[in-house]
Amino acid sequence: MQQYFIKQKLENPITITDKETLKHMFAVMRLSTDDEVVLVFEDGIKRLARVMDSERHEFELVKDLDENAELPVEVTIAMGFPKGDKLDLVAQKGTELGMANLWAYPADWSVVKWDKKKLTKRQEKLEKIVQGASEQSKRNHLPSVQFFATKDNFMQEFAQFDLILVAYEESAKTGEHSVFANALQQLEANSKVLLIFGPEGGISPDEIEAYQKAGGLLVGLGPRILRTETAPLYALSAISYALELNR
């Protein structure tokens, strides 16, 4: 059944007003009176809804659905600004894998330089990608997207996390393979986890020192060196396996 995220006040009945949502509902899916869909409001509860009036775009909320597709921990993926459309890929696939937030920051070795106007356009694009992926994967919440103008602004957010993990290429090269696994075993439900990934050039020594001083743990992600857009998806998959399939 088709699912939609509704950014309106919760009321019953409800008249949908968002143009993009309406286009998909009535032009693409061709909904008609008495058809049913799932609507998700900001409270994260899925609700079965029936089309009352297809012309007026009015829906009746029939019942709450006891469905939760969220990871048991809140995972924020933070990436140094990468080149090309790599953030687009991570936004889509990371959402499908349970990511709660996608952050990007200007790392020391980021090649790309984005001004405020560019950042705004990129964020708007990523938010659309995230919404589509959230609806497809039946999420209860829309992951947020945030860009940081400076690395200092990014690091000021570290205090809110219960666990900070830094994917470090040198840890993988030296064969370190236990820190990530051990950290996942000790995670409790509803913990807030920050996963930091460098851009194509990796994470600089100065950044590694700063992240460690802030409480970050350096982790390897297996014996193979992963691309910047692959590593977050590997980590999210491992978290899902450890916390959802292996407990």
C-alpha atoms as a PDB file:
ATOM      1  CA  MET A   1       0.000   0.000   0.000  1.00  0.00           C
ATOM      2  CA  GLN A   2       1.314   3.441  -0.911  1.00  0.00           C
ATOM      3  CA  GLN A   3       2.667   5.541   1.957  1.00  0.00           C
ATOM      4  CA  TYR A   4       2.974   9.336   2.179  1.00  0.00           C
ATOM      5  CA  PHE A   5       4.581  11.682   4.701  1.00  0.00           C
ATOM      6  CA  ILE A   6       2.259  14.574   5.527  1.00  0.00           C
ATOM      7  CA  LYS A   7       3.737  17.821   6.826  1.00  0.00           C
ATOM      8  CA  GLN A   8       0.443  19.240   8.058  1.00  0.00           C
ATOM      9  CA  LYS A   9      -1.398  19.450  11.324  1.00  0.00           C
ATOM     10  CA  LEU A  10      -2.941  16.135  12.341  1.00  0.00           C
ATOM     11  CA  GLU A  11      -6.708  16.327  11.947  1.00  0.00           C
ATOM     12  CA  ASN A  12      -9.527  14.014  10.899  1.00  0.00           C
ATOM     13  CA  PRO A  13     -10.694  14.314   8.209  1.00  0.00           C
ATOM     14  CA  ILE A  14      -7.725  15.963   6.529  1.00  0.00           C
ATOM     15  CA  THR A  15      -7.424  17.792   3.236  1.00  0.00           C
ATOM     16  CA  ILE A  16      -4.010  17.271   1.647  1.00  0.00           C
ATOM     17  CA  THR A  17      -2.474  20.481   0.290  1.00  0.00           C
ATOM     18  CA  ASP A  18       1.097  19.664  -0.772  1.00  0.00           C
ATOM     19  CA  LYS A  19       1.260  19.868  -4.568  1.00  0.00           C
ATOM     20  CA  GLU A  20       3.930  17.194  -5.062  1.00  0.00           C
ATOM     21  CA  THR A  21       2.072  14.738  -2.838  1.00  0.00           C
ATOM     22  CA  LEU A  22      -1.212  15.426  -4.605  1.00  0.00           C
ATOM     23  CA  LYS A  23       0.410  14.953  -8.002  1.00  0.00           C
ATOM     24  CA  HIS A  24       1.676  11.530  -7.018  1.00  0.00           C
ATOM     25  CA  MET A  25      -1.586  10.527  -5.354  1.00  0.00           C
ATOM     26  CA  PHE A  26      -4.054  11.539  -8.033  1.00  0.00           C
ATOM     27  CA  ALA A  27      -2.050  11.901 -11.261  1.00  0.00           C
ATOM     28  CA  VAL A  28       0.451   9.068 -10.876  1.00  0.00           C
ATOM     29  CA  MET A  29      -1.369   6.594  -8.624  1.00  0.00           C
ATOM     30  CA  ARG A  30      -4.815   7.702  -9.838  1.00  0.00           C
ATOM     31  CA  LEU A  31      -6.457   7.439  -6.432  1.00  0.00           C
ATOM     32  CA  SER A  32     -10.215   7.605  -6.385  1.00  0.00           C
ATOM     33  CA  THR A  33     -12.921   7.708  -3.713  1.00  0.00           C
ATOM     34  CA  ASP A  34     -12.665   4.864  -1.150  1.00  0.00           C
ATOM     35  CA  ASP A  35      -9.086   3.979  -2.108  1.00  0.00           C
ATOM     36  CA  GLU A  36      -6.785   3.505   0.894  1.00  0.00           C
ATOM     37  CA  VAL A  37      -3.265   4.726   1.602  1.00  0.00           C
ATOM     38  CA  VAL A  38      -0.988   5.072   4.628  1.00  0.00           C
ATOM     39  CA  LEU A  39      -0.336   8.578   5.926  1.00  0.00           C
ATOM     40  CA  VAL A  40       2.519   9.382   8.306  1.00  0.00           C
ATOM     41  CA  PHE A  41       2.518  12.625  10.270  1.00  0.00           C
ATOM     42  CA  GLU A  42       5.333  14.183  12.305  1.00  0.00           C
ATOM     43  CA  ASP A  43       4.514  11.977  15.308  1.00  0.00           C
ATOM     44  CA  GLY A  44       5.827   8.987  13.344  1.00  0.00           C
ATOM     45  CA  ILE A  45       2.619   6.967  13.648  1.00  0.00           C
ATOM     46  CA  LYS A  46       1.360   5.318  10.487  1.00  0.00           C
ATOM     47  CA  ARG A  47      -2.353   5.722   9.875  1.00  0.00           C
ATOM     48  CA  LEU A  48      -4.602   3.963   7.409  1.00  0.00           C
ATOM     49  CA  ALA A  49      -6.522   6.587   5.460  1.00  0.00           C
ATOM     50  CA  ARG A  50      -9.425   6.422   3.010  1.00  0.00           C
ATOM     51  CA  VAL A  51     -10.107   8.848   0.177  1.00  0.00           C
ATOM     52  CA  MET A  52     -13.397  10.564   1.029  1.00  0.00           C
ATOM     53  CA  ASP A  53     -13.413  13.013  -1.864  1.00  0.00           C
ATOM     54  CA  SER A  54     -10.884  12.737  -4.690  1.00  0.00           C
ATOM     55  CA  GLU A  55     -11.804  16.138  -6.088  1.00  0.00           C
ATOM     56  CA  ARG A  56     -11.331  17.963  -2.803  1.00  0.00           C
ATOM     57  CA  HIS A  57      -8.368  15.737  -1.797  1.00  0.00           C
ATOM     58  CA  GLU A  58     -10.045  14.870   1.477  1.00  0.00           C
ATOM     59  CA  PHE A  59      -9.090  11.779   3.509  1.00  0.00           C
ATOM     60  CA  GLU A  60     -10.576  10.029   6.524  1.00  0.00           C
ATOM     61  CA  LEU A  61      -8.095   8.609   9.028  1.00  0.00           C
ATOM     62  CA  VAL A  62      -9.420   5.090   9.619  1.00  0.00           C
ATOM     63  CA  LYS A  63      -7.044   3.667  12.246  1.00  0.00           C
ATOM     64  CA  ASP A  64      -3.536   3.768  13.653  1.00  0.00           C
ATOM     65  CA  LEU A  65      -1.183   1.053  12.446  1.00  0.00           C
ATOM     66  CA  ASP A  66       1.182  -0.718  14.833  1.00  0.00           C
ATOM     67  CA  GLU A  67       4.172  -0.700  12.472  1.00  0.00           C
ATOM     68  CA  ASN A  68       7.685   0.501  13.238  1.00  0.00           C
ATOM     69  CA  ALA A  69      10.433   0.340  10.620  1.00  0.00           C
ATOM     70  CA  GLU A  70      13.004   2.395  12.546  1.00  0.00           C
ATOM     71  CA  LEU A  71      16.375   1.188  13.802  1.00  0.00           C
ATOM     72  CA  PRO A  72      16.462   0.712  17.595  1.00  0.00           C
ATOM     73  CA  VAL A  73      19.185   3.395  17.778  1.00  0.00           C
ATOM     74  CA  GLU A  74      19.357   6.843  16.180  1.00  0.00           C
ATOM     75  CA  VAL A  75      22.214   6.887  13.673  1.00  0.00           C
ATOM     76  CA  THR A  76      23.576  10.107  12.196  1.00  0.00           C
ATOM     77  CA  ILE A  77      25.815   9.785   9.153  1.00  0.00           C
ATOM     78  CA  ALA A  78      28.324  12.643   8.820  1.00  0.00           C
ATOM     79  CA  MET A  79      30.387  12.952   5.633  1.00  0.00           C
ATOM     80  CA  GLY A  80      33.112  15.322   4.554  1.00  0.00           C
ATOM     81  CA  PHE A  81      31.845  17.101   1.427  1.00  0.00           C
ATOM     82  CA  PRO A  82      32.302  14.528  -1.384  1.00  0.00           C
ATOM     83  CA  LYS A  83      32.481  15.099  -5.120  1.00  0.00           C
ATOM     84  CA  GLY A  84      29.683  14.575  -7.630  1.00  0.00           C
ATOM     85  CA  ASP A  85      26.407  12.953  -6.670  1.00  0.00           C
ATOM     86  CA  LYS A  86      27.774  10.699  -3.918  1.00  0.00           C
ATOM     87  CA  LEU A  87      25.653  12.400  -1.270  1.00  0.00           C
ATOM     88  CA  ASP A  88      22.582  11.646  -3.376  1.00  0.00           C
ATOM     89  CA  LEU A  89      23.389   7.945  -3.246  1.00  0.00           C
ATOM     90  CA  VAL A  90      23.998   7.962   0.507  1.00  0.00           C
ATOM     91  CA  ALA A  91      20.796   9.962   1.085  1.00  0.00           C
ATOM     92  CA  GLN A  92      18.690   7.404  -0.776  1.00  0.00           C
ATOM     93  CA  LYS A  93      20.318   4.166   0.311  1.00  0.00           C
ATOM     94  CA  GLY A  94      21.111   5.388   3.820  1.00  0.00           C
ATOM     95  CA  THR A  95      17.436   6.215   4.297  1.00  0.00           C
ATOM     96  CA  GLU A  96      16.455   2.729   3.163  1.00  0.00           C
ATOM     97  CA  LEU A  97      18.930   1.266   5.669  1.00  0.00           C
ATOM     98  CA  GLY A  98      17.573   3.239   8.635  1.00  0.00           C
ATOM     99  CA  MET A  99      19.706   6.383   8.876  1.00  0.00           C
ATOM    100  CA  ALA A 100      18.121   9.043  11.108  1.00  0.00           C
ATOM    101  CA  ASN A 101      20.122  12.085   9.967  1.00  0.00           C
ATOM    102  CA  LEU A 102      22.501  12.936   7.130  1.00  0.00           C
ATOM    103  CA  TRP A 103      25.105  15.585   7.835  1.00  0.00           C
ATOM    104  CA  ALA A 104      27.840  16.964   5.590  1.00  0.00           C
ATOM    105  CA  TYR A 105      30.728  19.249   6.517  1.00  0.00           C
ATOM    106  CA  PRO A 106      33.812  20.798   4.858  1.00  0.00           C
ATOM    107  CA  ALA A 107      36.556  18.334   5.773  1.00  0.00           C
ATOM    108  CA  ASP A 108      40.238  19.265   5.557  1.00  0.00           C
ATOM    109  CA  TRP A 109      40.681  17.122   2.471  1.00  0.00           C
ATOM    110  CA  SER A 110      37.360  17.855   0.764  1.00  0.00           C
ATOM    111  CA  VAL A 111      37.981  18.824  -2.854  1.00  0.00           C
ATOM    112  CA  VAL A 112      34.632  20.518  -3.471  1.00  0.00           C
ATOM    113  CA  LYS A 113      33.843  23.968  -2.091  1.00  0.00           C
ATOM    114  CA  TRP A 114      30.179  24.909  -1.750  1.00  0.00           C
ATOM    115  CA  ASP A 115      28.938  28.406  -0.979  1.00  0.00           C
ATOM    116  CA  LYS A 116      25.726  29.096   0.940  1.00  0.00           C
ATOM    117  CA  LYS A 117      23.583  29.201  -2.217  1.00  0.00           C
ATOM    118  CA  LYS A 118      24.959  25.879  -3.411  1.00  0.00           C
ATOM    119  CA  LEU A 119      24.426  24.306   0.005  1.00  0.00           C
ATOM    120  CA  THR A 120      20.781  25.396   0.058  1.00  0.00           C
ATOM    121  CA  LYS A 121      20.082  23.885  -3.355  1.00  0.00           C
ATOM    122  CA  ARG A 122      21.867  20.658  -2.450  1.00  0.00           C
ATOM    123  CA  GLN A 123      19.915  20.363   0.785  1.00  0.00           C
ATOM    124  CA  GLU A 124      16.585  20.834  -0.978  1.00  0.00           C
ATOM    125  CA  LYS A 125      17.486  18.147  -3.508  1.00  0.00           C
ATOM    126  CA  LEU A 126      18.594  15.709  -0.825  1.00  0.00           C
ATOM    127  CA  GLU A 127      15.440  16.283   1.209  1.00  0.00           C
ATOM    128  CA  LYS A 128      13.342  15.230  -1.804  1.00  0.00           C
ATOM    129  CA  ILE A 129      15.495  12.128  -2.261  1.00  0.00           C
ATOM    130  CA  VAL A 130      15.123  11.273   1.423  1.00  0.00           C
ATOM    131  CA  GLN A 131      11.351  11.671   1.322  1.00  0.00           C
ATOM    132  CA  GLY A 132      10.985   9.393  -1.681  1.00  0.00           C
ATOM    133  CA  ALA A 133      13.241   6.767  -0.112  1.00  0.00           C
ATOM    134  CA  SER A 134      11.387   7.018   3.215  1.00  0.00           C
ATOM    135  CA  GLU A 135       8.039   6.395   1.538  1.00  0.00           C
ATOM    136  CA  GLN A 136       9.418   3.509  -0.495  1.00  0.00           C
ATOM    137  CA  SER A 137      11.035   1.823   2.510  1.00  0.00           C
ATOM    138  CA  LYS A 138       8.013   2.420   4.786  1.00  0.00           C
ATOM    139  CA  ARG A 139       9.876   4.479   7.376  1.00  0.00           C
ATOM    140  CA  ASN A 140       8.104   6.051  10.349  1.00  0.00           C
ATOM    141  CA  HIS A 141      10.235   9.176  10.318  1.00  0.00           C
ATOM    142  CA  LEU A 142      11.877  11.307   7.648  1.00  0.00           C
ATOM    143  CA  PRO A 143      15.648  11.565   8.127  1.00  0.00           C
ATOM    144  CA  SER A 144      16.847  15.144   8.391  1.00  0.00           C
ATOM    145  CA  VAL A 145      19.515  16.655   6.145  1.00  0.00           C
ATOM    146  CA  GLN A 146      21.925  19.277   7.445  1.00  0.00           C
ATOM    147  CA  PHE A 147      24.987  20.992   6.002  1.00  0.00           C
ATOM    148  CA  PHE A 148      27.604  22.680   8.176  1.00  0.00           C
ATOM    149  CA  ALA A 149      29.443  25.756   6.947  1.00  0.00           C
ATOM    150  CA  THR A 150      32.536  24.969   9.033  1.00  0.00           C
ATOM    151  CA  LYS A 151      34.065  21.964  10.736  1.00  0.00           C
ATOM    152  CA  ASP A 152      33.887  23.791  14.070  1.00  0.00           C
ATOM    153  CA  ASN A 153      30.120  24.129  13.697  1.00  0.00           C
ATOM    154  CA  PHE A 154      29.965  20.412  12.998  1.00  0.00           C
ATOM    155  CA  MET A 155      32.016  19.453  16.059  1.00  0.00           C
ATOM    156  CA  GLN A 156      29.914  21.615  18.349  1.00  0.00           C
ATOM    157  CA  GLU A 157      27.156  19.016  17.915  1.00  0.00           C
ATOM    158  CA  PHE A 158      29.221  16.117  19.275  1.00  0.00           C
ATOM    159  CA  ALA A 159      28.044  16.487  22.886  1.00  0.00           C
ATOM    160  CA  GLN A 160      24.553  15.204  22.078  1.00  0.00           C
ATOM    161  CA  PHE A 161      25.766  11.716  21.096  1.00  0.00           C
ATOM    162  CA  ASP A 162      26.197   8.622  23.243  1.00  0.00           C
ATOM    163  CA  LEU A 163      28.731   7.109  20.840  1.00  0.00           C
ATOM    164  CA  ILE A 164      30.982   8.650  18.173  1.00  0.00           C
ATOM    165  CA  LEU A 165      32.644   6.328  15.665  1.00  0.00           C
ATOM    166  CA  VAL A 166      35.191   7.508  13.098  1.00  0.00           C
ATOM    167  CA  ALA A 167      35.693   5.284  10.061  1.00  0.00           C
ATOM    168  CA  TYR A 168      39.449   5.429   9.603  1.00  0.00           C
ATOM    169  CA  GLU A 169      41.279   3.947   6.634  1.00  0.00           C
ATOM    170  CA  GLU A 170      44.488   3.390   8.591  1.00  0.00           C
ATOM    171  CA  SER A 171      42.617   1.262  11.137  1.00  0.00           C
ATOM    172  CA  ALA A 172      41.408  -0.965   8.315  1.00  0.00           C
ATOM    173  CA  LYS A 173      44.911  -1.199   6.836  1.00  0.00           C
ATOM    174  CA  THR A 174      46.382  -2.383  10.138  1.00  0.00           C
ATOM    175  CA  GLY A 175      43.765  -5.098  10.491  1.00  0.00           C
ATOM    176  CA  GLU A 176      41.757  -3.553  13.358  1.00  0.00           C
ATOM    177  CA  HIS A 177      38.372  -5.260  13.334  1.00  0.00           C
ATOM    178  CA  SER A 178      37.020  -5.389  16.881  1.00  0.00           C
ATOM    179  CA  VAL A 179      36.248  -1.805  17.968  1.00  0.00           C
ATOM    180  CA  PHE A 180      33.179  -1.431  15.747  1.00  0.00           C
ATOM    181  CA  ALA A 181      31.794  -4.860  16.640  1.00  0.00           C
ATOM    182  CA  ASN A 182      32.377  -4.349  20.370  1.00  0.00           C
ATOM    183  CA  ALA A 183      30.772  -0.905  20.290  1.00  0.00           C
ATOM    184  CA  LEU A 184      27.638  -2.322  18.642  1.00  0.00           C
ATOM    185  CA  GLN A 185      27.364  -5.078  21.247  1.00  0.00           C
ATOM    186  CA  GLN A 186      27.259  -2.492  24.022  1.00  0.00           C
ATOM    187  CA  LEU A 187      24.690  -0.178  22.412  1.00  0.00           C
ATOM    188  CA  GLU A 188      21.418   0.270  24.255  1.00  0.00           C
ATOM    189  CA  ALA A 189      18.059   1.005  22.643  1.00  0.00           C
ATOM    190  CA  ASN A 190      17.474   4.663  21.723  1.00  0.00           C
ATOM    191  CA  SER A 191      21.181   5.519  21.894  1.00  0.00           C
ATOM    192  CA  LYS A 192      22.350   8.332  19.643  1.00  0.00           C
ATOM    193  CA  VAL A 193      25.248   7.324  17.413  1.00  0.00           C
ATOM    194  CA  LEU A 194      27.398   9.548  15.196  1.00  0.00           C
ATOM    195  CA  LEU A 195      29.324   7.888  12.355  1.00  0.00           C
ATOM    196  CA  ILE A 196      31.962  10.100  10.723  1.00  0.00           C
ATOM    197  CA  PHE A 197      33.334   9.473   7.238  1.00  0.00           C
ATOM    198  CA  GLY A 198      35.947  11.423   5.363  1.00  0.00           C
ATOM    199  CA  PRO A 199      35.730  12.630   1.743  1.00  0.00           C
ATOM    200  CA  GLU A 200      37.590  10.924  -1.122  1.00  0.00           C
ATOM    201  CA  GLY A 201      40.967  11.981   0.280  1.00  0.00           C
ATOM    202  CA  GLY A 202      40.248  10.559   3.701  1.00  0.00           C
ATOM    203  CA  ILE A 203      40.415  12.116   7.156  1.00  0.00           C
ATOM    204  CA  SER A 204      43.406  14.325   7.959  1.00  0.00           C
ATOM    205  CA  PRO A 205      45.705  13.691  10.979  1.00  0.00           C
ATOM    206  CA  ASP A 206      44.506  16.957  12.561  1.00  0.00           C
ATOM    207  CA  GLU A 207      40.894  15.829  12.252  1.00  0.00           C
ATOM    208  CA  ILE A 208      41.680  12.420  13.724  1.00  0.00           C
ATOM    209  CA  GLU A 209      43.317  14.087  16.726  1.00  0.00           C
ATOM    210  CA  ALA A 210      40.362  16.453  17.196  1.00  0.00           C
ATOM    211  CA  TYR A 211      37.778  13.671  16.888  1.00  0.00           C
ATOM    212  CA  GLN A 212      39.607  11.496  19.401  1.00  0.00           C
ATOM    213  CA  LYS A 213      39.867  14.361  21.884  1.00  0.00           C
ATOM    214  CA  ALA A 214      36.088  14.779  21.526  1.00  0.00           C
ATOM    215  CA  GLY A 215      35.534  11.141  22.439  1.00  0.00           C
ATOM    216  CA  GLY A 216      35.488   9.543  19.006  1.00  0.00           C
ATOM    217  CA  LEU A 217      36.581   5.937  18.547  1.00  0.00           C
ATOM    218  CA  LEU A 218      38.573   4.999  15.454  1.00  0.00           C
ATOM    219  CA  VAL A 219      37.112   1.966  13.699  1.00  0.00           C
ATOM    220  CA  GLY A 220      38.019  -0.172  10.745  1.00  0.00           C
ATOM    221  CA  LEU A 221      35.267  -1.472   8.488  1.00  0.00           C
ATOM    222  CA  GLY A 222      36.752  -4.759   7.383  1.00  0.00           C
ATOM    223  CA  PRO A 223      39.895  -5.644   5.412  1.00  0.00           C
ATOM    224  CA  ARG A 224      38.912  -3.811   2.231  1.00  0.00           C
ATOM    225  CA  ILE A 225      39.226  -0.063   1.692  1.00  0.00           C
ATOM    226  CA  LEU A 226      35.774   1.323   0.959  1.00  0.00           C
ATOM    227  CA  ARG A 227      34.837   4.368  -1.093  1.00  0.00           C
ATOM    228  CA  THR A 228      33.411   7.336   0.795  1.00  0.00           C
ATOM    229  CA  GLU A 229      29.881   6.581  -0.454  1.00  0.00           C
ATOM    230  CA  THR A 230      30.161   2.846   0.282  1.00  0.00           C
ATOM    231  CA  ALA A 231      31.413   3.011   3.872  1.00  0.00           C
ATOM    232  CA  PRO A 232      28.243   4.577   5.404  1.00  0.00           C
ATOM    233  CA  LEU A 233      26.073   1.921   3.758  1.00  0.00           C
ATOM    234  CA  TYR A 234      28.330  -0.853   5.053  1.00  0.00           C
ATOM    235  CA  ALA A 235      28.163   0.584   8.575  1.00  0.00           C
ATOM    236  CA  LEU A 236      24.376   0.942   8.523  1.00  0.00           C
ATOM    237  CA  SER A 237      23.986  -2.617   7.267  1.00  0.00           C
ATOM    238  CA  ALA A 238      26.237  -3.887  10.057  1.00  0.00           C
ATOM    239  CA  ILE A 239      24.237  -1.973  12.651  1.00  0.00           C
ATOM    240  CA  SER A 240      20.985  -3.412  11.320  1.00  0.00           C
ATOM    241  CA  TYR A 241      22.370  -6.935  11.433  1.00  0.00           C
ATOM    242  CA  ALA A 242      23.774  -6.529  14.962  1.00  0.00           C
ATOM    243  CA  LEU A 243      20.719  -4.854  16.487  1.00  0.00           C
ATOM    244  CA  GLU A 244      17.773  -6.178  14.454  1.00  0.00           C
ATOM    245  CA  LEU A 245      18.702  -9.619  13.085  1.00  0.00           C
ATOM    246  CA  ASN A 246      21.230 -10.977  15.570  1.00  0.00           C
ATOM    247  CA  ARG A 247      19.449 -10.333  18.887  1.00  0.00           C
END
